Amino acid sequence: MKIFEYPQPGQWADIVTRPRLDLTKLNDTVATVLADVKERGDAAVREYELKFDHAELESLAVTEEEMEEAEQLVSNELRDAIILAHHNIKVFHISQRFVGQKVKTQEGVVCWQKSVAIERVGLYIPGGTAPLFSTVLMLATPAKIAGCKEIVLCTPPNKEGKVNPAILVAARIAGVSKIFKAGGVQAIGAMAYGTESVPKVYKIFGPGNQYVMAAKQQVSLDEVAIDMPAGPSEVCVLADETANAEFVAADLLSQAEHGVDSQVLFITTSREKLDEVQAEVNRQLQLLPRKEMAAKALDNSCYVLVGSVDEMIALSNAYAPEHLILQVKNYDALAERVVNAGSVFLGPYACESAGDYASGTNHTLPTHGYATAYNGVNLDSYCRKITFQHLTEEGIRHIGHAVELMAEAEQLDAHKNAMSVRIRSISKE
């Protein structure tokens, strides 16, 4: 990890720079696969599954027999953990339900909003080096609460054509409607365009590698909505002299093991704490099964020593991290100053892992600086707000002439006339 000591604001751009992902080289490949899936449907998906996941599939759909088999393969202990996490995610997201109010803007003019669920959503769940069954809970649980009628899930199978059993168990617990064995670009294409087996969805959610990211971006241009732009995962830890170095190092490494293009940023006001954390990271890294991957991620990462708490929070807000951990004495006060972040973890015991799995908050979050403008997945991600308005004759009298004047000023005569005929109608009565 690079070390910056008391950097000037002019150096901050170097600190907050993410690993660069050049998608231009793979965009042509992605476009070719998407076009093929759009043209040939299931046959194309099966061919790409054989090519990329080395799985020869007769059918894309996961059967009820496979669901029952998965139930037997997952231990009762893990199943109980999944149920606990699902409960907490459900409780937190239920609290986000929208309650619309009718608002009288003028006498005779009433406006309101109604929240309506997206009818069919698609969830992409990676299944490669880390089969993310926790993401099934994070994406399917709010979809179910929102009232989505159909929840479609795609995830890559292993070479034997089997889906990770924990993914299937989590999908059943969270209420997924249909599950298909498809990964990568072909899965995104199948959900975006629809095939003989896979229904066309209206919005696609979920993380993935660079190919999945590029595919989501491409299909979002003209076919389907997506949850958010995304890049590699990241964490920023702010620490003062009271921070627990062992905890901090564990948090940094838990993020670094996600992938070689992940990034961690440690910002502290204490030189002693920087040295302690650096030594602890080096010690814990050697104990990790995924240490080579984590080590490469650390090459993208920084330790930063700053002169004050003000600089610490200002640099964090400039970075706009996906995950922000506040291991400082006055974390409540500092939390009030957070402007840009996906999800914030307060105090020594709120590790990122808690939010990733079981605290109840959603772990599908904006990365790559998008936290400056986007929030993470929540209940509203699965809904649309439809506005309604009702006007009476009295309402026409109150706003009608203003509408005529504004339409005329914009030279939209038909707009003006739509109001004028109503004004004339009520004036005759």
Protein backbone atom coordinates (compact mmCIF):
# COMPACT_ATOMS: atom_id res chain seq x y z
CA MET A 1 0.00 0.00 0.00
CA LYS A 2 1.17 3.49 -0.84
CA ILE A 3 1.74 5.86 2.08
CA PHE A 4 0.83 9.56 1.97
CA GLU A 5 1.89 11.74 4.90
CA TYR A 6 0.09 15.04 5.39
CA PRO A 7 -0.89 15.37 1.72
CA GLN A 8 -1.91 18.76 0.41
CA PRO A 9 -5.32 19.08 -1.30
CA GLY A 10 -3.51 19.10 -4.63
CA GLN A 11 -2.44 15.49 -3.96
CA TRP A 12 -5.91 14.26 -3.08
CA ALA A 13 -6.72 13.41 -6.70
CA ASP A 14 -3.95 10.79 -6.64
CA ILE A 15 -5.29 9.32 -3.41
CA VAL A 16 -8.94 9.03 -4.49
CA THR A 17 -8.18 7.62 -7.96
CA ARG A 18 -9.63 4.14 -8.49
CA PRO A 19 -8.04 1.30 -10.46
CA ARG A 20 -8.83 1.99 -14.08
CA LEU A 21 -11.10 -0.43 -15.92
CA ASP A 22 -10.70 -0.22 -19.67
CA LEU A 23 -13.97 -1.64 -20.94
CA THR A 24 -13.34 -0.62 -24.56
CA LYS A 25 -11.37 -3.78 -25.32
CA LEU A 26 -14.13 -6.07 -24.15
CA ASN A 27 -17.13 -4.07 -25.34
CA ASP A 28 -17.02 -5.65 -28.81
CA THR A 29 -16.96 -9.14 -27.31
CA VAL A 30 -19.85 -8.26 -25.01
CA ALA A 31 -21.86 -6.78 -27.87
CA THR A 32 -21.33 -9.92 -29.97
CA VAL A 33 -22.55 -12.23 -27.19
CA LEU A 34 -25.56 -10.02 -26.45
CA ALA A 35 -26.56 -9.92 -30.11
CA ASP A 36 -26.24 -13.69 -30.37
CA VAL A 37 -28.41 -14.26 -27.29
CA LYS A 38 -30.98 -11.84 -28.64
CA GLU A 39 -31.05 -13.69 -31.96
CA ARG A 40 -30.84 -17.34 -30.87
CA GLY A 41 -32.13 -17.38 -27.31
CA ASP A 42 -31.63 -20.53 -25.23
CA ALA A 43 -29.36 -22.20 -27.78
CA ALA A 44 -26.89 -19.33 -27.61
CA VAL A 45 -26.99 -19.24 -23.80
CA ARG A 46 -26.27 -22.99 -23.60
CA GLU A 47 -23.36 -22.66 -26.03
CA TYR A 48 -21.79 -19.84 -24.03
CA GLU A 49 -22.29 -21.80 -20.81
CA LEU A 50 -20.31 -24.62 -22.36
CA LYS A 51 -17.64 -22.21 -23.61
CA PHE A 52 -17.21 -20.04 -20.51
CA ASP A 53 -18.46 -22.12 -17.56
CA HIS A 54 -17.65 -25.53 -19.11
CA ALA A 55 -21.13 -26.77 -18.29
CA GLU A 56 -23.14 -28.78 -20.79
CA LEU A 57 -26.79 -28.04 -20.09
CA GLU A 58 -29.90 -29.67 -21.47
CA SER A 59 -32.11 -27.12 -19.73
CA LEU A 60 -31.43 -23.71 -18.23
CA ALA A 61 -34.09 -23.85 -15.53
CA VAL A 62 -33.29 -25.14 -12.05
CA THR A 63 -35.72 -27.96 -11.27
CA GLU A 64 -37.68 -28.62 -8.09
CA GLU A 65 -35.58 -31.77 -7.62
CA GLU A 66 -32.42 -29.64 -7.62
CA MET A 67 -33.99 -27.30 -5.08
CA GLU A 68 -34.77 -30.23 -2.79
CA GLU A 69 -31.26 -31.61 -3.24
CA ALA A 70 -29.80 -28.24 -2.23
CA GLU A 71 -31.84 -28.28 0.98
CA GLN A 72 -30.09 -31.51 1.95
CA LEU A 73 -26.62 -30.21 1.10
CA VAL A 74 -26.77 -27.05 3.23
CA SER A 75 -26.15 -27.58 6.92
CA ASN A 76 -28.83 -26.66 9.43
CA GLU A 77 -26.41 -24.21 11.01
CA LEU A 78 -25.85 -22.32 7.75
CA ARG A 79 -29.55 -22.42 6.95
CA ASP A 80 -30.31 -20.87 10.34
CA ALA A 81 -27.74 -18.13 9.64
CA ILE A 82 -29.39 -17.42 6.29
CA ILE A 83 -32.81 -17.24 7.96
CA LEU A 84 -31.47 -14.82 10.61
CA ALA A 85 -29.94 -12.58 7.95
CA HIS A 86 -33.13 -12.70 5.87
CA HIS A 87 -35.18 -11.67 8.90
CA ASN A 88 -33.01 -8.62 9.60
CA ILE A 89 -32.91 -7.57 5.95
CA LYS A 90 -36.69 -7.94 5.77
CA VAL A 91 -37.31 -5.90 8.93
CA PHE A 92 -35.07 -3.06 7.76
CA HIS A 93 -36.55 -2.89 4.26
CA ILE A 94 -40.16 -3.12 5.44
CA SER A 95 -39.50 0.11 7.34
CA GLN A 96 -38.86 1.83 3.99
CA ARG A 97 -42.41 1.39 2.66
CA PHE A 98 -43.73 4.57 1.07
CA VAL A 99 -46.95 6.13 2.30
CA GLY A 100 -48.33 8.69 -0.16
CA GLN A 101 -50.36 11.71 0.86
CA LYS A 102 -52.93 13.66 -1.11
CA VAL A 103 -51.87 17.29 -1.32
CA LYS A 104 -54.17 20.20 -2.18
CA THR A 105 -52.00 22.64 -4.12
CA GLN A 106 -54.95 24.96 -4.86
CA GLU A 107 -58.65 24.79 -4.19
CA GLY A 108 -59.95 22.12 -6.54
CA VAL A 109 -56.46 20.78 -7.39
CA VAL A 110 -55.31 17.63 -5.59
CA CYS A 111 -52.05 15.77 -6.35
CA TRP A 112 -50.56 12.58 -4.96
CA GLN A 113 -48.06 9.78 -5.54
CA LYS A 114 -48.54 6.05 -5.53
CA SER A 115 -45.70 3.54 -5.22
CA VAL A 116 -46.08 0.68 -7.70
CA ALA A 117 -43.75 -2.33 -7.82
CA ILE A 118 -41.82 -3.20 -10.97
CA GLU A 119 -43.67 -6.27 -12.18
CA ARG A 120 -40.69 -8.39 -13.29
CA VAL A 121 -37.11 -7.97 -12.07
CA GLY A 122 -33.93 -9.90 -12.82
CA LEU A 123 -31.21 -10.70 -10.30
CA TYR A 124 -27.67 -11.62 -11.30
CA ILE A 125 -25.74 -13.60 -8.68
CA PRO A 126 -22.04 -14.34 -9.27
CA GLY A 127 -21.04 -17.93 -8.65
CA GLY A 128 -17.35 -18.11 -9.46
CA THR A 129 -14.57 -17.70 -6.90
CA ALA A 130 -17.14 -16.52 -4.34
CA PRO A 131 -20.74 -17.76 -4.75
CA LEU A 132 -22.58 -14.78 -3.28
CA PHE A 133 -25.68 -16.33 -1.75
CA SER A 134 -25.84 -13.30 0.58
CA THR A 135 -26.55 -11.16 -2.46
CA VAL A 136 -29.61 -13.30 -3.17
CA LEU A 137 -31.02 -12.15 0.17
CA MET A 138 -30.05 -8.53 -0.45
CA LEU A 139 -31.74 -8.38 -3.85
CA ALA A 140 -34.70 -10.75 -3.58
CA THR A 141 -35.91 -9.73 -0.11
CA PRO A 142 -36.78 -6.10 -0.97
CA ALA A 143 -38.16 -7.22 -4.34
CA LYS A 144 -40.59 -9.50 -2.51
CA ILE A 145 -41.53 -6.79 0.00
CA ALA A 146 -42.08 -4.28 -2.81
CA GLY A 147 -44.55 -6.66 -4.45
CA CYS A 148 -42.69 -7.57 -7.65
CA LYS A 149 -44.84 -10.27 -9.27
CA GLU A 150 -41.93 -12.18 -10.80
CA ILE A 151 -38.37 -12.37 -9.46
CA VAL A 152 -36.02 -14.02 -11.96
CA LEU A 153 -32.54 -15.12 -10.90
CA CYS A 154 -29.59 -16.10 -13.09
CA THR A 155 -26.38 -17.58 -11.72
CA PRO A 156 -23.60 -19.62 -13.34
CA PRO A 157 -23.47 -23.37 -12.69
CA ASN A 158 -20.34 -25.39 -11.98
CA LYS A 159 -18.83 -27.80 -14.50
CA GLU A 160 -21.33 -30.46 -13.47
CA GLY A 161 -24.19 -28.11 -14.30
CA LYS A 162 -25.11 -27.59 -10.64
CA VAL A 163 -25.84 -24.30 -8.88
CA ASN A 164 -24.24 -23.67 -5.50
CA PRO A 165 -26.75 -25.12 -2.98
CA ALA A 166 -26.56 -22.13 -0.61
CA ILE A 167 -27.67 -19.88 -3.48
CA LEU A 168 -30.70 -22.09 -4.06
CA VAL A 169 -31.60 -22.24 -0.38
CA ALA A 170 -31.29 -18.46 -0.03
CA ALA A 171 -33.42 -18.01 -3.15
CA ARG A 172 -36.22 -20.16 -1.73
CA ILE A 173 -36.13 -18.37 1.62
CA ALA A 174 -36.21 -14.94 -0.03
CA GLY A 175 -39.03 -15.78 -2.45
CA VAL A 176 -37.37 -15.99 -5.87
CA SER A 177 -39.84 -17.08 -8.57
CA LYS A 178 -37.58 -18.68 -11.19
CA ILE A 179 -33.90 -19.66 -11.23
CA PHE A 180 -31.77 -20.23 -14.34
CA LYS A 181 -28.30 -21.62 -14.90
CA ALA A 182 -26.65 -18.80 -16.79
CA GLY A 183 -23.68 -16.62 -15.99
CA GLY A 184 -21.77 -13.71 -17.42
CA VAL A 185 -22.84 -11.72 -20.45
CA GLN A 186 -25.21 -14.44 -21.65
CA ALA A 187 -27.22 -14.19 -18.41
CA ILE A 188 -27.57 -10.42 -18.73
CA GLY A 189 -28.63 -10.82 -22.36
CA ALA A 190 -31.16 -13.52 -21.50
CA MET A 191 -32.85 -11.34 -18.88
CA ALA A 192 -32.67 -8.20 -21.01
CA TYR A 193 -34.10 -9.70 -24.22
CA GLY A 194 -35.91 -12.79 -23.02
CA THR A 195 -35.40 -16.30 -24.40
CA GLU A 196 -37.57 -19.38 -24.75
CA SER A 197 -36.88 -20.15 -21.07
CA VAL A 198 -35.82 -16.89 -19.42
CA PRO A 199 -38.47 -14.16 -19.16
CA LYS A 200 -37.60 -10.65 -20.28
CA VAL A 201 -37.35 -8.44 -17.20
CA TYR A 202 -37.79 -4.70 -16.74
CA LYS A 203 -34.82 -4.05 -14.45
CA ILE A 204 -31.62 -5.98 -13.72
CA PHE A 205 -29.87 -5.98 -10.36
CA GLY A 206 -26.63 -7.46 -9.12
CA PRO A 207 -22.83 -7.35 -9.17
CA GLY A 208 -20.44 -9.08 -11.53
CA ASN A 209 -17.07 -8.98 -13.26
CA GLN A 210 -16.02 -6.51 -15.94
CA TYR A 211 -17.92 -8.41 -18.65
CA VAL A 212 -21.13 -8.39 -16.60
CA MET A 213 -20.69 -4.70 -15.87
CA ALA A 214 -20.19 -3.90 -19.55
CA ALA A 215 -23.19 -6.03 -20.51
CA LYS A 216 -25.43 -4.25 -18.00
CA GLN A 217 -24.32 -0.89 -19.33
CA GLN A 218 -24.99 -1.91 -22.93
CA VAL A 219 -28.46 -3.35 -22.39
CA SER A 220 -29.42 -0.33 -20.28
CA LEU A 221 -29.08 1.91 -23.33
CA ASP A 222 -32.21 0.62 -25.04
CA GLU A 223 -33.68 -2.51 -23.48
CA VAL A 224 -33.87 -2.56 -19.69
CA ALA A 225 -33.10 -0.53 -16.57
CA ILE A 226 -30.24 -1.48 -14.24
CA ASP A 227 -29.72 -0.91 -10.53
CA MET A 228 -26.72 1.44 -10.72
CA PRO A 229 -23.34 1.97 -12.35
CA ALA A 230 -20.68 -0.02 -10.55
CA GLY A 231 -16.98 -0.66 -10.38
CA PRO A 232 -14.78 -2.80 -8.13
CA SER A 233 -15.66 -2.94 -4.43
CA GLU A 234 -13.95 -0.63 -1.90
CA VAL A 235 -13.73 0.45 1.74
CA CYS A 236 -12.44 3.54 3.54
CA VAL A 237 -11.55 3.37 7.24
CA LEU A 238 -11.15 6.53 9.32
CA ALA A 239 -9.24 6.05 12.57
CA ASP A 240 -7.87 8.12 15.43
CA GLU A 241 -5.54 7.13 18.26
CA THR A 242 -8.32 5.14 19.96
CA ALA A 243 -8.84 2.71 17.05
CA ASN A 244 -8.17 -1.01 17.43
CA ALA A 245 -5.41 -1.81 14.92
CA GLU A 246 -6.35 -5.49 14.71
CA PHE A 247 -9.96 -4.58 13.89
CA VAL A 248 -8.89 -2.02 11.29
CA ALA A 249 -6.52 -4.43 9.54
CA ALA A 250 -9.23 -7.11 9.47
CA ASP A 251 -11.65 -4.66 7.88
CA LEU A 252 -9.14 -3.59 5.24
CA LEU A 253 -8.33 -7.19 4.32
CA SER A 254 -11.97 -8.30 4.29
CA GLN A 255 -12.44 -5.82 1.46
CA ALA A 256 -9.15 -6.57 -0.30
CA GLU A 257 -10.01 -10.27 -0.66
CA HIS A 258 -12.96 -9.43 -2.93
CA GLY A 259 -10.72 -9.19 -5.99
CA VAL A 260 -7.48 -7.90 -7.45
CA ASP A 261 -9.17 -4.68 -8.57
CA SER A 262 -10.69 -3.91 -5.16
CA GLN A 263 -9.32 -0.95 -3.20
CA VAL A 264 -8.94 0.01 0.45
CA LEU A 265 -8.14 3.42 1.90
CA PHE A 266 -6.99 3.98 5.48
CA ILE A 267 -6.99 7.56 6.78
CA THR A 268 -5.75 8.41 10.27
CA THR A 269 -4.70 11.34 12.41
CA SER A 270 -2.21 9.16 14.34
CA ARG A 271 1.23 8.21 13.03
CA GLU A 272 1.50 5.53 15.70
CA LYS A 273 -1.81 4.03 14.58
CA LEU A 274 -0.69 4.02 10.96
CA ASP A 275 2.41 2.01 11.89
CA GLU A 276 0.33 -0.41 14.02
CA VAL A 277 -2.22 -0.99 11.29
CA GLN A 278 0.44 -1.47 8.63
CA ALA A 279 2.15 -4.15 10.74
CA GLU A 280 -1.17 -5.83 11.53
CA VAL A 281 -2.19 -5.91 7.85
CA ASN A 282 1.07 -7.60 6.95
CA ARG A 283 0.58 -10.17 9.73
CA GLN A 284 -3.04 -11.01 8.95
CA LEU A 285 -2.44 -11.10 5.19
CA GLN A 286 -0.20 -14.14 5.56
CA LEU A 287 -3.04 -16.07 7.21
CA LEU A 288 -5.56 -15.59 4.38
CA PRO A 289 -6.34 -18.38 1.87
CA ARG A 290 -6.93 -15.62 -0.71
CA LYS A 291 -3.77 -13.71 0.25
CA GLU A 292 -2.44 -13.44 -3.32
CA MET A 293 -5.65 -11.79 -4.47
CA ALA A 294 -5.75 -9.53 -1.42
CA ALA A 295 -2.11 -8.56 -1.88
CA LYS A 296 -2.78 -7.39 -5.43
CA ALA A 297 -5.74 -5.34 -4.21
CA LEU A 298 -3.49 -3.72 -1.61
CA ASP A 299 -1.24 -2.55 -4.43
CA ASN A 300 -4.15 -0.31 -5.48
CA SER A 301 -4.55 1.03 -1.96
CA CYS A 302 -3.28 3.76 0.36
CA TYR A 303 -2.43 4.62 3.94
CA VAL A 304 -2.93 8.33 4.55
CA LEU A 305 -1.76 10.35 7.56
CA VAL A 306 -3.56 13.68 7.95
CA GLY A 307 -3.24 16.54 10.40
CA SER A 308 -6.80 16.84 11.67
CA VAL A 309 -10.24 15.24 11.88
CA ASP A 310 -11.46 17.95 9.49
CA GLU A 311 -9.00 16.80 6.82
CA MET A 312 -9.88 13.17 7.47
CA ILE A 313 -13.60 13.61 6.81
CA ALA A 314 -13.01 15.99 3.90
CA LEU A 315 -10.76 13.44 2.17
CA SER A 316 -13.30 10.69 2.80
CA ASN A 317 -16.08 12.78 1.27
CA ALA A 318 -13.86 13.46 -1.74
CA TYR A 319 -13.29 9.70 -2.12
CA ALA A 320 -17.04 8.86 -1.75
CA PRO A 321 -16.45 5.26 -0.62
CA GLU A 322 -18.80 2.35 -1.10
CA HIS A 323 -18.19 1.36 2.54
CA LEU A 324 -17.07 3.83 5.20
CA ILE A 325 -15.96 2.66 8.66
CA LEU A 326 -15.57 5.22 11.46
CA GLN A 327 -13.21 3.85 14.12
CA VAL A 328 -12.93 7.11 16.02
CA LYS A 329 -13.81 8.21 19.54
CA ASN A 330 -16.59 10.61 18.53
CA TYR A 331 -18.04 8.53 15.70
CA ASP A 332 -21.60 9.86 16.12
CA ALA A 333 -20.46 13.45 15.64
CA LEU A 334 -18.26 12.50 12.68
CA ALA A 335 -21.10 10.53 11.09
CA GLU A 336 -23.15 13.74 10.87
CA ARG A 337 -20.47 15.16 8.58
CA VAL A 338 -20.56 12.27 6.09
CA VAL A 339 -21.79 13.59 2.73
CA ASN A 340 -20.68 10.92 0.25
CA ALA A 341 -20.77 7.21 1.12
CA GLY A 342 -22.71 4.07 0.24
CA SER A 343 -23.01 2.58 3.74
CA VAL A 344 -21.46 3.79 7.01
CA PHE A 345 -20.29 1.62 9.92
CA LEU A 346 -20.00 3.32 13.31
CA GLY A 347 -17.63 2.37 16.10
CA PRO A 348 -15.19 -0.50 16.68
CA TYR A 349 -17.73 -3.33 16.49
CA ALA A 350 -19.55 -2.34 13.27
CA CYS A 351 -17.41 -4.24 10.76
CA GLU A 352 -18.23 -4.17 7.07
CA SER A 353 -18.97 -7.90 7.25
CA ALA A 354 -22.01 -7.16 9.44
CA GLY A 355 -23.56 -5.08 6.67
CA ASP A 356 -22.45 -7.54 4.02
CA TYR A 357 -24.43 -10.32 5.66
CA ALA A 358 -26.77 -9.84 8.55
CA SER A 359 -27.24 -6.40 10.12
CA GLY A 360 -30.17 -5.69 7.80
CA THR A 361 -28.82 -2.93 5.55
CA ASN A 362 -28.30 -3.68 1.88
CA HIS A 363 -24.82 -4.48 0.62
CA THR A 364 -25.52 -3.65 -3.02
CA LEU A 365 -23.93 -0.20 -3.05
CA PRO A 366 -22.51 2.44 -5.40
CA THR A 367 -18.78 2.13 -6.06
CA HIS A 368 -16.11 3.95 -8.07
CA GLY A 369 -17.14 7.34 -6.69
CA TYR A 370 -20.80 6.99 -7.70
CA ALA A 371 -21.79 7.51 -4.04
CA THR A 372 -21.65 11.23 -4.86
CA ALA A 373 -24.90 10.80 -6.79
CA TYR A 374 -26.33 7.30 -6.17
CA ASN A 375 -27.58 5.40 -3.15
CA GLY A 376 -27.47 1.67 -2.60
CA VAL A 377 -30.30 -0.72 -3.39
CA ASN A 378 -33.34 -0.15 -1.19
CA LEU A 379 -37.08 -0.76 -1.37
CA ASP A 380 -37.57 2.17 -3.75
CA SER A 381 -35.19 0.49 -6.22
CA TYR A 382 -38.00 -1.98 -6.99
CA CYS A 383 -40.78 0.59 -7.28
CA ARG A 384 -41.93 3.43 -9.44
CA LYS A 385 -43.69 6.49 -8.11
CA ILE A 386 -46.71 7.29 -10.27
CA THR A 387 -48.17 10.76 -9.82
CA PHE A 388 -51.89 11.50 -9.94
CA GLN A 389 -53.83 14.74 -10.11
CA HIS A 390 -57.53 15.55 -9.92
CA LEU A 391 -59.03 18.88 -10.94
CA THR A 392 -62.54 20.15 -10.35
CA GLU A 393 -64.20 23.15 -11.99
CA GLU A 394 -62.91 25.21 -9.10
CA GLY A 395 -59.43 23.96 -9.84
CA ILE A 396 -59.76 25.10 -13.47
CA ARG A 397 -60.73 28.56 -12.23
CA HIS A 398 -57.67 28.73 -10.00
CA ILE A 399 -54.94 27.55 -12.40
CA GLY A 400 -56.53 27.57 -15.86
CA HIS A 401 -55.48 31.04 -16.97
CA ALA A 402 -51.91 30.51 -15.72
CA VAL A 403 -51.71 27.32 -17.80
CA GLU A 404 -52.97 29.20 -20.89
CA LEU A 405 -50.40 31.97 -20.44
CA MET A 406 -47.49 29.58 -19.95
CA ALA A 407 -48.46 27.36 -22.91
CA GLU A 408 -48.82 30.42 -25.14
CA ALA A 409 -45.42 31.72 -24.06
CA GLU A 410 -43.87 28.39 -25.03
CA GLN A 411 -45.72 28.55 -28.38
CA LEU A 412 -47.56 25.30 -27.71
CA ASP A 413 -51.01 26.24 -28.94
CA ALA A 414 -52.53 22.77 -28.55
CA HIS A 415 -51.49 22.76 -24.91
CA LYS A 416 -53.21 26.10 -24.43
CA ASN A 417 -56.32 24.91 -26.21
CA ALA A 418 -56.65 21.82 -24.00
CA MET A 419 -57.15 24.16 -21.07
CA SER A 420 -59.07 26.83 -22.99
CA VAL A 421 -61.87 24.46 -24.01
CA ARG A 422 -62.37 23.56 -20.36
CA ILE A 423 -62.43 27.18 -19.26
CA ARG A 424 -65.04 27.96 -21.92
CA SER A 425 -67.06 24.90 -20.90
CA ILE A 426 -67.40 25.91 -17.27
CA SER A 427 -68.00 29.57 -18.15
CA LYS A 428 -71.16 28.55 -20.06
CA GLU A 429 -72.66 26.84 -17.06
